[in-house]
Amino acid sequence: MGMKTRTTKFYCTKVLVVVVLLACINVVSSSSVSKRAARNSQTLGTLSVDFPNITKRFLRSDTSTTTGGPTNVIQERALAFSLPGLEQATTSIKSGLSKLIQKLKLQWWRLRQKSPNDVFTLLKLDKTGDKLFESPAFSQWMAFVTVRNKNNPDLAMFSTLASHYTDDALAKMLVAAKQGDSTRELATRMETLQIENWITAGKSADGVFTALRLDQTGDKLFESPIFSNWVAYVAKRDSKDPELAMFSTFATHYSDDALASLLIRAKEVGSTKTLATKMEGLQISNWVTAGNSADDVFKSLKLDQTGDKLFESPLFTYWASFVAKRNSNDPGTEMFTTFTAHYSDDVLAKMLPTHILTTAKNVESTKAMATKLEGLQITNWITAENSVDDVFKLLKLDQTGDKLFESPVFSTWTTFVTKSKSENPENEMVKQLVKTFGDVDAAKMISAATKVESTEKLATDLRATQFTSWFSQGKTPQNVDTMLNTATTSDDVIKKLSRDYEKFYGKREFIKPQAVSTSTRAGNGIRIG
């Protein structure tokens, strides 16, 4: 203890000597300047008598007149002295003194057996918040801890930091400090100690997930700056199967649909794509292992709440991947069974053409499935022995009016009729149109559809079929004109219908009566207009 006292006295003596020296320098420099200024003032006074021009730049005069007396001239000397050597020496001494004082202060705290935590508080580092690493006093504290805890200064520093910051606050601060060149190395070491501290404490993956408040990040989990800290911890704690430990934690905090949505977005970011893909695979495998049905997962992902936007939902592909893994032999049938459990035929049929035929059929990954689903729907109607009229009304085509050929589900109906009435589908279609809309309106719709590229071929065949039906009924052009009321109408479509049937009738007159068949296919080879 005597040795420590002598050392302290030695440092104090040095400080006193430096302070006295600095004070003397200041006094001497002030005295020197004053005396030199006095001498220069006398010299300039003498010079001003003999050489007035020389002293003009050094003197300023103030003339005042007193009553009954001569004018007094008071001369003010404006002298400037520059002592750069002295200023530099003063600055250097002050800097050295400051360092010495800091060194003595640290030595004093060490002699007083202050702990790293005590000095942390004395330096008011506990008031710096997340600006700790930016504080000038932080380096002083580091120096103190390094001297006091020579065996393991990092552990002493971490223990202090852990006592002042929560797990998440410290983790965030260390992540930020790793961005700076001067603090990167220390922050990395502290981060490693934090992970090791969690492992020593026996914290679970879920425990640290909560401690870092990652459970409060919602759909921003993968964007959190400390998410990688948690991943690093789990990888070190559960080195054999870290992905499974991560997935178990996710499953605890997220519903199936929320987690699936989170993973879909994370797969679009390069830094999280690999991990998100693995998590997606584990979630699907978990459903398969649990024995969940296609319908179970369909509802878990809340796809039953998407309405007619099913195929637009990013979760649809997710669900399709599950079904494909669960039933690799015939996933299409299982998907269709699920669809029919949640959608009426008209809604499903409307969804399939608009989304599948225009979008899914143009995407290689869904083209085959889309086509198969449409075929399964039609097969289901045939198996159920639905009539042409049944499906027509099922798809609500009877409510389309003159927009029949524009309906997205019209092609679904025509495909059904073609498959169910393979011998004479056009005749069945015309019968249905006439039954629903009447001869004239059906003829007008068919005629208009011949002018649209997407329906031209079918409409041309249907028009020929209808004309053949009129001809077989013995209707002459005059009869048709009467039916169409061409004499009083100005409708161009009606007038064209009249002309087209007249041409058709004229050509059929040359066919032998025995060759005329009631089969509507006899008229399909005759093109009108």
Protein backbone atom coordinates (compact mmCIF):
# COMPACT_ATOMS: atom_id res chain seq x y z
CA MET A 1 0.00 0.00 0.00
CA GLY A 2 3.02 2.31 0.71
CA MET A 3 4.25 1.72 -2.82
CA LYS A 4 0.87 2.77 -4.29
CA THR A 5 0.86 5.93 -2.16
CA ARG A 6 4.35 6.92 -3.36
CA THR A 7 3.29 6.33 -6.99
CA THR A 8 0.23 8.52 -6.55
CA LYS A 9 2.30 11.30 -4.95
CA PHE A 10 4.73 11.11 -7.86
CA TYR A 11 1.94 11.63 -10.40
CA CYS A 12 0.45 14.45 -8.36
CA THR A 13 3.86 16.14 -8.18
CA LYS A 14 4.17 15.93 -11.96
CA VAL A 15 0.77 17.51 -12.40
CA LEU A 16 1.66 20.32 -9.96
CA VAL A 17 4.96 21.01 -11.78
CA VAL A 18 3.19 21.19 -15.14
CA VAL A 19 0.49 23.49 -13.80
CA VAL A 20 3.05 25.83 -12.22
CA LEU A 21 5.14 25.80 -15.39
CA LEU A 22 2.12 26.65 -17.50
CA ALA A 23 1.16 29.47 -15.13
CA CYS A 24 4.71 30.90 -15.21
CA ILE A 25 4.74 30.82 -18.97
CA ASN A 26 1.47 32.74 -19.08
CA VAL A 27 2.78 35.37 -16.58
CA VAL A 28 6.13 35.75 -18.35
CA SER A 29 4.53 36.04 -21.72
CA SER A 30 2.15 38.74 -20.40
CA SER A 31 4.98 40.68 -18.70
CA SER A 32 7.23 40.47 -21.76
CA VAL A 33 4.51 41.78 -23.98
CA SER A 34 3.79 44.72 -21.62
CA LYS A 35 7.46 45.75 -21.26
CA ARG A 36 8.14 45.44 -24.96
CA ALA A 37 5.07 47.50 -25.72
CA ALA A 38 6.31 50.26 -23.35
CA ARG A 39 9.75 50.36 -24.96
CA ASN A 40 8.26 50.43 -28.43
CA SER A 41 5.95 53.27 -27.34
CA GLN A 42 8.90 55.44 -26.25
CA THR A 43 10.82 54.69 -29.42
CA LEU A 44 7.86 55.55 -31.61
CA GLY A 45 7.39 58.79 -29.71
CA THR A 46 10.97 59.87 -30.58
CA LEU A 47 10.62 58.79 -34.18
CA SER A 48 7.41 60.75 -34.59
CA VAL A 49 9.23 63.98 -34.00
CA ASP A 50 11.93 63.45 -36.62
CA PHE A 51 10.18 61.17 -39.03
CA PRO A 52 6.43 61.76 -38.78
CA ASN A 53 5.63 59.87 -42.01
CA ILE A 54 7.18 56.67 -40.75
CA THR A 55 4.92 56.45 -37.73
CA LYS A 56 1.60 57.19 -39.39
CA ARG A 57 0.69 53.61 -39.79
CA PHE A 58 1.38 52.89 -36.11
CA LEU A 59 -0.40 55.85 -34.56
CA ARG A 60 -3.99 57.01 -34.21
CA SER A 61 -4.57 60.52 -32.85
CA ASP A 62 -7.49 61.89 -30.93
CA THR A 63 -7.50 65.70 -30.69
CA SER A 64 -9.38 67.41 -27.88
CA THR A 65 -9.42 71.16 -27.15
CA THR A 66 -9.58 72.61 -23.66
CA THR A 67 -10.64 76.21 -22.91
CA GLY A 68 -7.75 78.62 -22.68
CA GLY A 69 -5.20 75.88 -23.21
CA PRO A 70 -3.29 74.28 -26.06
CA THR A 71 -4.56 71.29 -28.03
CA ASN A 72 -3.64 67.97 -26.40
CA VAL A 73 -2.82 65.07 -28.62
CA ILE A 74 -3.39 61.68 -27.10
CA GLN A 75 -1.69 58.96 -29.06
CA GLU A 76 -2.97 55.40 -28.93
CA ARG A 77 -0.53 52.76 -29.91
CA ALA A 78 -1.99 49.86 -31.83
CA LEU A 79 0.69 47.26 -31.57
CA ALA A 80 0.26 43.64 -32.63
CA PHE A 81 2.58 40.91 -31.51
CA SER A 82 2.49 37.33 -32.83
CA LEU A 83 4.01 34.56 -30.71
CA PRO A 84 3.25 31.34 -32.62
CA GLY A 85 5.96 29.36 -30.90
CA LEU A 86 4.59 30.16 -27.48
CA GLU A 87 0.97 29.41 -28.48
CA GLN A 88 1.99 26.06 -29.95
CA ALA A 89 3.95 25.17 -26.83
CA THR A 90 0.98 26.14 -24.65
CA THR A 91 -1.41 23.96 -26.69
CA SER A 92 0.97 21.02 -26.57
CA ILE A 93 1.40 21.35 -22.82
CA LYS A 94 -2.35 21.59 -22.28
CA SER A 95 -2.94 18.50 -24.38
CA GLY A 96 -0.29 16.58 -22.50
CA LEU A 97 -1.69 17.79 -19.22
CA SER A 98 -5.20 16.66 -20.20
CA LYS A 99 -3.93 13.20 -21.05
CA LEU A 100 -1.98 13.04 -17.84
CA ILE A 101 -5.03 14.03 -15.82
CA GLN A 102 -7.09 11.32 -17.52
CA LYS A 103 -4.37 8.81 -16.84
CA LEU A 104 -4.19 9.85 -13.20
CA LYS A 105 -7.97 9.69 -12.95
CA LEU A 106 -8.03 6.14 -14.26
CA GLN A 107 -5.14 5.23 -11.96
CA TRP A 108 -6.99 6.77 -9.04
CA TRP A 109 -10.16 4.75 -9.81
CA ARG A 110 -8.07 1.60 -10.05
CA LEU A 111 -6.41 2.32 -6.71
CA ARG A 112 -9.84 2.95 -5.23
CA GLN A 113 -10.82 -0.48 -6.64
CA LYS A 114 -13.65 0.91 -8.74
CA SER A 115 -15.41 -1.68 -10.89
CA PRO A 116 -15.98 -1.30 -14.66
CA ASN A 117 -19.62 -0.62 -13.85
CA ASP A 118 -18.67 2.10 -11.31
CA VAL A 119 -16.49 3.91 -13.83
CA PHE A 120 -19.14 3.45 -16.53
CA THR A 121 -21.49 5.44 -14.31
CA LEU A 122 -18.86 7.99 -13.21
CA LEU A 123 -18.17 8.79 -16.85
CA LYS A 124 -21.94 9.14 -17.32
CA LEU A 125 -21.90 6.55 -20.08
CA ASP A 126 -25.12 5.18 -18.66
CA LYS A 127 -26.78 8.37 -19.96
CA THR A 128 -25.66 7.98 -23.59
CA GLY A 129 -28.39 5.53 -24.67
CA ASP A 130 -27.81 4.12 -28.14
CA LYS A 131 -25.02 6.69 -28.71
CA LEU A 132 -22.63 4.86 -26.37
CA PHE A 133 -20.01 4.03 -28.98
CA GLU A 134 -20.00 7.63 -30.19
CA SER A 135 -19.14 9.07 -26.77
CA PRO A 136 -15.54 10.34 -26.31
CA ALA A 137 -15.60 8.96 -22.76
CA PHE A 138 -16.22 5.44 -24.05
CA SER A 139 -12.56 5.03 -25.07
CA GLN A 140 -11.50 6.17 -21.57
CA TRP A 141 -13.71 3.52 -20.04
CA MET A 142 -12.31 0.88 -22.38
CA ALA A 143 -8.78 1.87 -21.34
CA PHE A 144 -9.71 1.57 -17.68
CA VAL A 145 -11.33 -1.87 -18.13
CA THR A 146 -8.37 -3.11 -20.18
CA VAL A 147 -5.91 -2.14 -17.40
CA ARG A 148 -8.09 -3.32 -14.53
CA ASN A 149 -9.20 -6.64 -16.11
CA LYS A 150 -6.15 -7.71 -18.03
CA ASN A 151 -7.16 -11.38 -18.16
CA ASN A 152 -10.53 -10.86 -19.85
CA PRO A 153 -11.41 -7.22 -20.50
CA ASP A 154 -14.04 -8.12 -23.16
CA LEU A 155 -16.06 -10.15 -20.66
CA ALA A 156 -15.89 -7.31 -18.13
CA MET A 157 -17.09 -4.84 -20.77
CA PHE A 158 -19.92 -7.11 -21.90
CA SER A 159 -21.08 -7.71 -18.33
CA THR A 160 -21.34 -3.97 -17.79
CA LEU A 161 -23.15 -3.38 -21.07
CA ALA A 162 -25.57 -6.24 -20.34
CA SER A 163 -26.43 -4.67 -16.98
CA HIS A 164 -27.37 -1.37 -18.60
CA TYR A 165 -29.12 -2.50 -21.78
CA THR A 166 -31.90 -4.95 -22.61
CA ASP A 167 -31.06 -7.78 -25.00
CA ASP A 168 -32.73 -6.15 -27.97
CA ALA A 169 -31.33 -2.66 -27.29
CA LEU A 170 -27.78 -4.00 -26.92
CA ALA A 171 -28.12 -6.15 -30.04
CA LYS A 172 -29.32 -3.18 -32.09
CA MET A 173 -26.51 -1.00 -30.79
CA LEU A 174 -23.90 -3.63 -31.65
CA VAL A 175 -25.29 -4.06 -35.17
CA ALA A 176 -24.99 -0.30 -35.69
CA ALA A 177 -21.46 -0.22 -34.19
CA LYS A 178 -20.34 -2.93 -36.61
CA GLN A 179 -20.86 -0.44 -39.42
CA GLY A 180 -18.09 1.82 -38.13
CA ASP A 181 -14.43 1.08 -38.80
CA SER A 182 -13.27 2.13 -35.33
CA THR A 183 -15.89 0.07 -33.46
CA ARG A 184 -16.47 -2.91 -35.78
CA GLU A 185 -13.97 -5.24 -34.12
CA LEU A 186 -15.14 -4.55 -30.56
CA ALA A 187 -18.85 -4.73 -31.52
CA THR A 188 -18.28 -8.10 -33.20
CA ARG A 189 -16.62 -9.46 -30.06
CA MET A 190 -19.48 -8.14 -27.88
CA GLU A 191 -22.02 -9.72 -30.23
CA THR A 192 -20.28 -13.08 -29.91
CA LEU A 193 -20.27 -12.77 -26.11
CA GLN A 194 -23.98 -11.96 -26.12
CA ILE A 195 -24.73 -15.15 -28.07
CA GLU A 196 -22.49 -17.20 -25.79
CA ASN A 197 -24.20 -15.66 -22.76
CA TRP A 198 -27.61 -16.79 -24.04
CA ILE A 199 -26.29 -20.31 -24.63
CA THR A 200 -24.72 -20.45 -21.14
CA ALA A 201 -28.01 -19.27 -19.68
CA GLY A 202 -29.76 -22.12 -21.51
CA LYS A 203 -32.15 -19.86 -23.40
CA SER A 204 -34.27 -21.50 -26.09
CA ALA A 205 -34.62 -20.25 -29.64
CA ASP A 206 -38.07 -18.97 -28.75
CA GLY A 207 -36.75 -17.37 -25.56
CA VAL A 208 -34.20 -15.26 -27.43
CA PHE A 209 -36.75 -14.54 -30.18
CA THR A 210 -38.93 -12.94 -27.51
CA ALA A 211 -36.01 -11.29 -25.69
CA LEU A 212 -35.05 -9.54 -28.92
CA ARG A 213 -38.70 -8.56 -29.33
CA LEU A 214 -38.80 -10.14 -32.77
CA ASP A 215 -42.26 -11.38 -31.84
CA GLN A 216 -43.39 -7.76 -32.19
CA THR A 217 -42.10 -7.22 -35.72
CA GLY A 218 -45.13 -8.77 -37.45
CA ASP A 219 -44.68 -9.05 -41.21
CA LYS A 220 -41.41 -7.04 -40.95
CA LEU A 221 -39.53 -9.88 -39.24
CA PHE A 222 -36.99 -10.49 -41.99
CA GLU A 223 -36.36 -6.73 -42.27
CA SER A 224 -35.34 -6.36 -38.61
CA PRO A 225 -31.62 -5.47 -38.25
CA ILE A 226 -31.27 -7.95 -35.36
CA PHE A 227 -33.00 -10.87 -37.08
CA SER A 228 -29.57 -12.07 -38.22
CA ASN A 229 -28.39 -12.05 -34.57
CA TRP A 230 -31.15 -14.48 -33.69
CA VAL A 231 -30.35 -16.67 -36.71
CA ALA A 232 -26.69 -16.76 -35.67
CA TYR A 233 -27.69 -17.75 -32.13
CA VAL A 234 -29.98 -20.58 -33.28
CA ALA A 235 -27.32 -21.84 -35.70
CA LYS A 236 -24.82 -22.06 -32.83
CA ARG A 237 -27.26 -23.47 -30.28
CA ASP A 238 -28.94 -26.03 -32.54
CA SER A 239 -26.12 -26.80 -34.93
CA LYS A 240 -27.56 -30.17 -35.97
CA ASP A 241 -30.87 -28.83 -37.28
CA PRO A 242 -31.12 -25.04 -36.87
CA GLU A 243 -33.79 -24.68 -39.59
CA LEU A 244 -36.20 -26.91 -37.68
CA ALA A 245 -35.64 -24.90 -34.49
CA MET A 246 -36.31 -21.68 -36.41
CA PHE A 247 -39.45 -23.06 -38.01
CA SER A 248 -40.78 -24.23 -34.64
CA THR A 249 -40.36 -20.69 -33.31
CA PHE A 250 -42.06 -19.17 -36.36
CA ALA A 251 -44.97 -21.60 -36.05
CA THR A 252 -45.40 -20.54 -32.42
CA HIS A 253 -45.75 -16.86 -33.26
CA TYR A 254 -47.46 -16.88 -36.68
CA SER A 255 -50.64 -18.43 -38.04
CA ASP A 256 -50.29 -20.63 -41.14
CA ASP A 257 -51.40 -17.93 -43.57
CA ALA A 258 -49.36 -15.16 -41.90
CA LEU A 259 -46.19 -17.27 -41.95
CA ALA A 260 -46.75 -18.37 -45.54
CA SER A 261 -47.25 -14.74 -46.64
CA LEU A 262 -44.11 -13.72 -44.72
CA LEU A 263 -42.03 -16.43 -46.43
CA ILE A 264 -43.35 -15.59 -49.89
CA ARG A 265 -42.16 -12.00 -49.50
CA ALA A 266 -38.82 -13.06 -47.99
CA LYS A 267 -38.16 -15.28 -51.02
CA GLU A 268 -38.12 -12.16 -53.18
CA VAL A 269 -35.14 -10.70 -51.27
CA GLY A 270 -31.69 -12.03 -52.05
CA SER A 271 -30.42 -12.00 -48.46
CA THR A 272 -33.36 -14.02 -47.11
CA LYS A 273 -34.34 -16.11 -50.14
CA THR A 274 -32.44 -19.26 -49.14
CA LEU A 275 -33.71 -19.31 -45.55
CA ALA A 276 -37.29 -18.51 -46.59
CA THR A 277 -37.27 -21.32 -49.16
CA LYS A 278 -36.15 -23.80 -46.49
CA MET A 279 -38.85 -22.56 -44.10
CA GLU A 280 -41.47 -22.95 -46.83
CA GLY A 281 -40.39 -26.54 -47.42
CA LEU A 282 -40.60 -27.26 -43.69
CA GLN A 283 -44.07 -25.77 -43.41
CA ILE A 284 -45.37 -27.89 -46.30
CA SER A 285 -43.67 -31.01 -44.91
CA ASN A 286 -45.17 -30.25 -41.50
CA TRP A 287 -48.68 -30.21 -43.02
CA VAL A 288 -48.04 -33.48 -44.84
CA THR A 289 -46.63 -35.15 -41.70
CA ALA A 290 -49.60 -33.90 -39.65
CA GLY A 291 -51.95 -35.55 -42.16
CA ASN A 292 -53.69 -32.32 -43.14
CA SER A 293 -55.99 -32.62 -46.14
CA ALA A 294 -56.02 -30.29 -49.13
CA ASP A 295 -59.17 -28.71 -47.75
CA ASP A 296 -57.62 -28.29 -44.27
CA VAL A 297 -54.70 -26.29 -45.60
CA PHE A 298 -56.97 -24.43 -48.05
CA LYS A 299 -58.85 -23.08 -45.04
CA SER A 300 -55.69 -22.61 -42.91
CA LEU A 301 -54.33 -20.31 -45.60
CA LYS A 302 -57.73 -18.58 -45.68
CA LEU A 303 -58.07 -19.24 -49.38
CA ASP A 304 -61.74 -19.94 -48.74
CA GLN A 305 -62.07 -16.19 -48.09
CA THR A 306 -60.56 -14.99 -51.37
CA GLY A 307 -63.78 -15.26 -53.39
CA ASP A 308 -63.26 -15.05 -57.14
CA LYS A 309 -59.71 -13.74 -56.52
CA LEU A 310 -58.46 -17.21 -55.61
CA PHE A 311 -56.03 -17.54 -58.50
CA GLU A 312 -54.65 -14.05 -57.86
CA SER A 313 -53.67 -14.88 -54.29
CA PRO A 314 -49.94 -15.53 -53.83
CA LEU A 315 -50.93 -18.24 -51.35
CA PHE A 316 -52.69 -20.26 -54.07
CA THR A 317 -49.37 -21.45 -55.52
CA TYR A 318 -48.21 -22.18 -51.97
CA TRP A 319 -51.27 -24.39 -51.43
CA ALA A 320 -50.85 -26.03 -54.84
CA SER A 321 -47.28 -26.99 -53.88
CA PHE A 322 -48.62 -28.68 -50.76
CA VAL A 323 -51.28 -30.61 -52.69
CA ALA A 324 -48.68 -31.70 -55.26
CA LYS A 325 -46.46 -33.04 -52.47
CA ARG A 326 -49.34 -34.67 -50.60
CA ASN A 327 -50.86 -36.33 -53.66
CA SER A 328 -48.17 -36.57 -56.30
CA ASN A 329 -50.15 -39.10 -58.38
CA ASP A 330 -53.22 -36.96 -59.03
CA PRO A 331 -53.03 -33.50 -57.43
CA GLY A 332 -55.44 -32.00 -59.98
CA THR A 333 -58.38 -34.13 -58.85
CA GLU A 334 -57.81 -33.28 -55.20
CA MET A 335 -57.61 -29.57 -56.02
CA PHE A 336 -60.84 -29.74 -57.99
CA THR A 337 -62.59 -31.56 -55.14
CA THR A 338 -61.54 -28.74 -52.82
CA PHE A 339 -62.75 -26.09 -55.26
CA THR A 340 -66.18 -27.66 -55.59
CA ALA A 341 -66.50 -27.74 -51.79
CA HIS A 342 -66.12 -23.95 -51.64
CA TYR A 343 -67.49 -22.64 -54.94
CA SER A 344 -70.71 -23.11 -56.86
CA ASP A 345 -70.31 -24.36 -60.43
CA ASP A 346 -71.09 -21.01 -62.05
CA VAL A 347 -68.58 -19.14 -59.87
CA LEU A 348 -65.91 -21.81 -60.36
CA ALA A 349 -66.47 -21.91 -64.11
CA LYS A 350 -66.24 -18.14 -64.25
CA MET A 351 -63.02 -18.18 -62.25
CA LEU A 352 -61.34 -20.86 -64.30
CA PRO A 353 -61.63 -19.32 -67.77
CA THR A 354 -60.84 -15.74 -66.80
CA HIS A 355 -57.86 -16.56 -64.62
CA ILE A 356 -56.64 -19.84 -65.99
CA LEU A 357 -57.23 -19.44 -69.72
CA THR A 358 -55.89 -15.90 -69.88
CA THR A 359 -53.21 -16.08 -67.21
CA ALA A 360 -52.49 -19.56 -65.91
CA LYS A 361 -52.51 -21.14 -69.38
CA ASN A 362 -49.87 -18.63 -70.45
CA VAL A 363 -47.65 -19.49 -67.51
CA GLU A 364 -45.75 -22.71 -68.03
CA SER A 365 -45.82 -23.71 -64.37
CA THR A 366 -49.66 -23.60 -64.14
CA LYS A 367 -50.70 -24.30 -67.73
CA ALA A 368 -51.11 -28.07 -67.35
CA MET A 369 -52.94 -27.77 -64.04
CA ALA A 370 -55.30 -25.10 -65.36
CA THR A 371 -56.23 -27.12 -68.41
CA LYS A 372 -56.79 -30.22 -66.32
CA LEU A 373 -59.01 -28.41 -63.83
CA GLU A 374 -61.22 -27.12 -66.60
CA GLY A 375 -61.48 -30.62 -68.06
CA LEU A 376 -62.33 -32.08 -64.66
CA GLN A 377 -65.15 -29.61 -64.19
CA ILE A 378 -66.72 -30.52 -67.52
CA THR A 379 -66.27 -34.23 -66.84
CA ASN A 380 -68.02 -33.74 -63.51
CA TRP A 381 -71.06 -32.22 -65.28
CA ILE A 382 -71.19 -35.06 -67.78
CA THR A 383 -70.92 -37.68 -65.01
CA ALA A 384 -73.74 -35.94 -63.17
CA GLU A 385 -75.78 -36.15 -66.44
CA ASN A 386 -76.39 -32.42 -66.57
CA SER A 387 -78.22 -31.37 -69.73
CA VAL A 388 -77.19 -28.62 -72.14
CA ASP A 389 -79.89 -26.45 -70.64
CA ASP A 390 -78.82 -27.30 -67.07
CA VAL A 391 -75.25 -26.12 -67.59
CA PHE A 392 -76.38 -23.10 -69.65
CA LYS A 393 -78.47 -21.91 -66.68
CA LEU A 394 -75.87 -23.09 -64.17
CA LEU A 395 -73.39 -20.70 -65.75
CA LYS A 396 -76.11 -18.04 -65.85
CA LEU A 397 -75.71 -17.61 -69.59
CA ASP A 398 -79.46 -17.14 -69.86
CA GLN A 399 -78.93 -13.78 -68.15
CA THR A 400 -76.34 -12.41 -70.58
CA GLY A 401 -78.79 -11.07 -73.19
CA ASP A 402 -77.09 -9.99 -76.41
CA LYS A 403 -73.68 -10.23 -74.66
CA LEU A 404 -73.75 -14.03 -74.75
CA PHE A 405 -70.69 -14.44 -76.99
CA GLU A 406 -68.74 -11.97 -74.85
CA SER A 407 -69.24 -13.95 -71.64
CA PRO A 408 -65.98 -15.49 -70.30
CA VAL A 409 -67.85 -18.72 -69.46
CA PHE A 410 -69.50 -19.12 -72.88
CA SER A 411 -66.55 -21.15 -74.17
CA THR A 412 -66.83 -23.42 -71.11
CA TRP A 413 -70.42 -24.18 -72.07
CA THR A 414 -69.62 -24.80 -75.75
CA THR A 415 -66.79 -27.16 -74.72
CA PHE A 416 -69.22 -29.04 -72.48
CA VAL A 417 -71.79 -29.32 -75.29
CA THR A 418 -69.13 -30.52 -77.74
CA LYS A 419 -68.00 -33.25 -75.33
CA SER A 420 -71.45 -34.33 -74.19
CA LYS A 421 -73.11 -34.14 -77.63
CA SER A 422 -70.26 -35.15 -79.87
CA GLU A 423 -72.52 -36.19 -82.80
CA ASN A 424 -74.22 -32.85 -83.37
CA PRO A 425 -73.06 -30.14 -80.92
CA GLU A 426 -73.87 -27.12 -83.16
CA ASN A 427 -77.51 -28.22 -83.46
CA GLU A 428 -77.78 -28.51 -79.66
CA MET A 429 -76.27 -25.06 -79.24
CA VAL A 430 -78.67 -23.43 -81.72
CA LYS A 431 -81.64 -25.15 -80.08
CA GLN A 432 -80.57 -23.77 -76.70
CA LEU A 433 -80.07 -20.25 -78.05
CA VAL A 434 -83.44 -20.26 -79.84
CA LYS A 435 -85.16 -21.71 -76.78
CA THR A 436 -83.66 -19.01 -74.53
CA PHE A 437 -83.64 -15.92 -76.77
CA GLY A 438 -86.00 -16.75 -79.65
CA ASP A 439 -85.25 -17.27 -83.38
CA VAL A 440 -84.72 -13.64 -84.29
CA ASP A 441 -82.59 -12.53 -81.34
CA ALA A 442 -80.52 -15.71 -81.55
CA ALA A 443 -79.95 -15.08 -85.26
CA LYS A 444 -78.92 -11.47 -84.59
CA MET A 445 -76.41 -12.50 -81.86
CA ILE A 446 -74.92 -15.20 -84.08
CA SER A 447 -74.64 -12.83 -87.05
CA ALA A 448 -72.87 -10.18 -84.90
CA ALA A 449 -70.47 -12.82 -83.54
CA THR A 450 -69.31 -13.68 -87.07
CA LYS A 451 -67.63 -10.24 -87.15
CA VAL A 452 -65.47 -10.96 -84.08
CA GLU A 453 -62.25 -12.86 -84.67
CA SER A 454 -62.40 -14.93 -81.48
CA THR A 455 -65.96 -16.16 -82.21
CA GLU A 456 -66.05 -15.98 -86.01
CA LYS A 457 -65.60 -19.69 -86.73
CA LEU A 458 -68.12 -20.94 -84.18
CA ALA A 459 -70.67 -18.23 -85.09
CA THR A 460 -70.36 -19.07 -88.81
CA ASP A 461 -71.08 -22.74 -88.07
CA LEU A 462 -74.03 -21.82 -85.84
CA ARG A 463 -75.48 -19.51 -88.51
CA ALA A 464 -75.29 -22.26 -91.11
CA THR A 465 -76.94 -24.64 -88.65
CA GLN A 466 -79.79 -22.18 -87.97
CA PHE A 467 -80.31 -21.51 -91.70
CA THR A 468 -80.43 -25.27 -92.33
CA SER A 469 -83.06 -25.58 -89.60
CA TRP A 470 -85.15 -22.85 -91.27
CA PHE A 471 -84.75 -24.49 -94.65
CA SER A 472 -85.77 -27.91 -93.28
CA GLN A 473 -88.86 -26.26 -91.81
CA GLY A 474 -89.75 -25.09 -95.32
CA LYS A 475 -89.17 -21.41 -94.60
CA THR A 476 -88.66 -19.39 -97.79
CA PRO A 477 -86.79 -16.08 -97.90
CA GLN A 478 -90.17 -14.36 -97.85
CA ASN A 479 -91.16 -16.26 -94.71
CA VAL A 480 -87.91 -15.27 -93.05
CA ASP A 481 -88.38 -11.61 -94.08
CA THR A 482 -91.76 -11.67 -92.46
CA MET A 483 -90.28 -13.26 -89.32
CA LEU A 484 -87.50 -10.67 -89.29
CA ASN A 485 -89.93 -7.86 -90.14
CA THR A 486 -87.48 -6.52 -92.71
CA ALA A 487 -90.10 -4.29 -94.39
CA THR A 488 -90.27 -1.87 -91.51
CA THR A 489 -86.86 -2.23 -89.87
CA SER A 490 -83.78 -0.11 -90.41
CA ASP A 491 -81.56 -2.54 -88.51
CA ASP A 492 -78.55 -3.35 -90.72
CA VAL A 493 -78.02 -6.67 -88.95
CA ILE A 494 -81.58 -7.77 -89.81
CA LYS A 495 -81.21 -6.67 -93.43
CA LYS A 496 -77.93 -8.59 -93.75
CA LEU A 497 -79.57 -11.68 -92.23
CA SER A 498 -82.27 -11.48 -94.88
CA ARG A 499 -79.74 -11.24 -97.69
CA ASP A 500 -77.58 -14.06 -96.28
CA TYR A 501 -80.52 -16.43 -95.94
CA GLU A 502 -81.66 -15.63 -99.46
CA LYS A 503 -78.24 -16.64 -100.78
CA PHE A 504 -78.26 -19.78 -98.64
CA TYR A 505 -81.74 -20.72 -99.82
CA GLY A 506 -80.82 -20.19 -103.44
CA LYS A 507 -77.87 -22.56 -103.20
CA ARG A 508 -79.89 -25.25 -101.41
CA GLU A 509 -82.56 -25.23 -104.12
CA PHE A 510 -80.07 -26.90 -106.43
CA ILE A 511 -79.55 -29.80 -104.03
CA LYS A 512 -81.73 -32.85 -104.73
CA PRO A 513 -84.52 -33.32 -102.20
CA GLN A 514 -83.24 -36.78 -101.25
CA ALA A 515 -79.84 -35.33 -100.50
CA VAL A 516 -81.27 -32.89 -98.02
CA SER A 517 -80.78 -34.35 -94.56
CA THR A 518 -82.25 -33.11 -91.39
CA SER A 519 -78.73 -33.29 -90.04
CA THR A 520 -77.53 -29.76 -89.44
CA ARG A 521 -74.06 -30.80 -90.53
CA ALA A 522 -75.33 -30.74 -94.12
CA GLY A 523 -75.34 -26.95 -93.97
CA ASN A 524 -71.99 -26.56 -92.27
CA GLY A 525 -70.07 -26.61 -95.51
CA ILE A 526 -71.97 -23.63 -96.95
CA ARG A 527 -70.39 -20.29 -96.04
CA ILE A 528 -72.56 -17.19 -96.26
CA GLY A 529 -71.37 -13.64 -96.94
